Amino acid sequence: MRIDPVALLTILGMGAVTYATRIGGFWLLGRVTPTKRVEAWMRAIPGAVLVSLIAPALLVAGVVGFIAATATVLIAARTHRLLPALVAGVVIVAVARLVFHAG
């Protein structure tokens, strides 16, 4: 097996840039005191990223995806446990695809 040096350098470069941006953020926040607004913004980032990843897939999934997502959210809200909610969502999609031959 031959390793392409350009591909290897590209992968290593992308990893270095990703690492540098993360470390740079930690370094910067260690030197400044964030305002209440900045702290609220930083707490909202994980949810915003999650929605940005899920929303396009949900739009493509159609009714089956919407039902599974709704069930997942409701189960997570009721039980406060994410893993059982995710498992339920996956099972709902799998069963619906088997029953309705949905894509």
Protein backbone atom coordinates (compact mmCIF):
# COMPACT_ATOMS: atom_id res chain seq x y z
CA MET A 1 0.00 0.00 0.00
CA ARG A 2 1.40 3.39 -1.03
CA ILE A 3 0.62 6.53 0.94
CA ASP A 4 0.17 9.67 -1.13
CA PRO A 5 2.37 12.35 0.50
CA VAL A 6 0.07 15.19 -0.60
CA ALA A 7 -2.97 13.50 0.98
CA LEU A 8 -1.00 12.77 4.16
CA LEU A 9 0.20 16.39 4.42
CA THR A 10 -3.34 17.64 3.77
CA ILE A 11 -4.78 15.46 6.53
CA LEU A 12 -2.03 16.43 8.97
CA GLY A 13 -2.48 20.11 8.08
CA MET A 14 -6.24 19.97 8.63
CA GLY A 15 -5.66 18.28 11.98
CA ALA A 16 -3.13 20.94 13.01
CA VAL A 17 -5.46 23.79 12.05
CA THR A 18 -8.37 22.18 13.92
CA TYR A 19 -6.22 21.67 17.00
CA ALA A 20 -4.86 25.23 16.81
CA THR A 21 -8.32 26.77 16.64
CA ARG A 22 -9.50 24.79 19.65
CA ILE A 23 -6.40 25.51 21.73
CA GLY A 24 -6.53 29.16 20.63
CA GLY A 25 -10.08 29.48 21.93
CA PHE A 26 -9.15 28.00 25.30
CA TRP A 27 -6.06 30.21 25.47
CA LEU A 28 -8.04 33.34 24.65
CA LEU A 29 -10.83 32.60 27.14
CA GLY A 30 -8.21 31.99 29.83
CA ARG A 31 -7.00 35.57 29.42
CA VAL A 32 -10.27 37.49 29.31
CA THR A 33 -13.35 37.54 31.50
CA PRO A 34 -16.41 36.94 29.33
CA THR A 35 -19.50 39.06 29.84
CA LYS A 36 -22.84 37.51 30.76
CA ARG A 37 -23.94 37.82 27.14
CA VAL A 38 -20.82 36.00 25.88
CA GLU A 39 -21.32 33.25 28.47
CA ALA A 40 -24.94 32.80 27.38
CA TRP A 41 -23.85 32.70 23.75
CA MET A 42 -21.22 30.05 24.50
CA ARG A 43 -23.78 27.90 26.34
CA ALA A 44 -26.06 28.07 23.29
CA ILE A 45 -23.41 26.94 20.78
CA PRO A 46 -23.73 23.14 21.34
CA GLY A 47 -27.49 23.26 20.78
CA ALA A 48 -27.08 25.39 17.68
CA VAL A 49 -24.52 23.00 16.24
CA LEU A 50 -26.78 20.02 16.99
CA VAL A 51 -29.73 21.66 15.26
CA SER A 52 -27.59 22.58 12.25
CA LEU A 53 -26.60 18.92 11.90
CA ILE A 54 -30.06 17.45 12.48
CA ALA A 55 -32.29 19.90 10.59
CA PRO A 56 -31.12 19.05 7.03
CA ALA A 57 -31.42 15.31 7.68
CA LEU A 58 -34.86 15.81 9.19
CA LEU A 59 -36.04 17.75 6.14
CA VAL A 60 -34.91 14.94 3.84
CA ALA A 61 -36.33 12.15 6.06
CA GLY A 62 -39.95 13.13 5.50
CA VAL A 63 -42.82 12.00 7.70
CA VAL A 64 -40.97 8.99 9.13
CA GLY A 65 -38.07 11.18 10.21
CA PHE A 66 -40.40 13.78 11.69
CA ILE A 67 -42.28 11.16 13.73
CA ALA A 68 -39.04 9.59 14.96
CA ALA A 69 -37.55 12.99 15.86
CA THR A 70 -40.69 14.03 17.69
CA ALA A 71 -40.75 10.77 19.64
CA THR A 72 -37.06 11.15 20.47
CA VAL A 73 -37.54 14.69 21.80
CA LEU A 74 -40.61 13.71 23.82
CA ILE A 75 -38.92 10.67 25.37
CA ALA A 76 -35.79 12.67 26.19
CA ALA A 77 -37.87 15.44 27.77
CA ARG A 78 -39.91 13.00 29.83
CA THR A 79 -37.11 10.68 30.99
CA HIS A 80 -34.15 13.10 30.97
CA ARG A 81 -32.11 10.27 29.45
CA LEU A 82 -30.72 10.73 25.97
CA LEU A 83 -29.62 7.17 25.13
CA PRO A 84 -33.06 5.52 25.49
CA ALA A 85 -34.59 8.39 23.51
CA LEU A 86 -32.08 7.94 20.68
CA VAL A 87 -32.60 4.17 20.66
CA ALA A 88 -36.35 4.69 20.45
CA GLY A 89 -35.93 7.09 17.52
CA VAL A 90 -33.74 4.62 15.64
CA VAL A 91 -36.17 1.77 16.30
CA ILE A 92 -39.10 3.89 15.08
CA VAL A 93 -37.29 4.70 11.83
CA ALA A 94 -36.25 1.07 11.30
CA VAL A 95 -39.75 -0.30 11.92
CA ALA A 96 -41.39 2.40 9.77
CA ARG A 97 -39.00 1.67 6.90
CA LEU A 98 -39.76 -2.04 7.13
CA VAL A 99 -43.52 -1.55 7.34
CA PHE A 100 -43.92 1.27 4.82
CA HIS A 101 -40.88 0.50 2.65
CA ALA A 102 -39.83 4.13 3.14
CA GLY A 103 -36.39 5.27 2.01
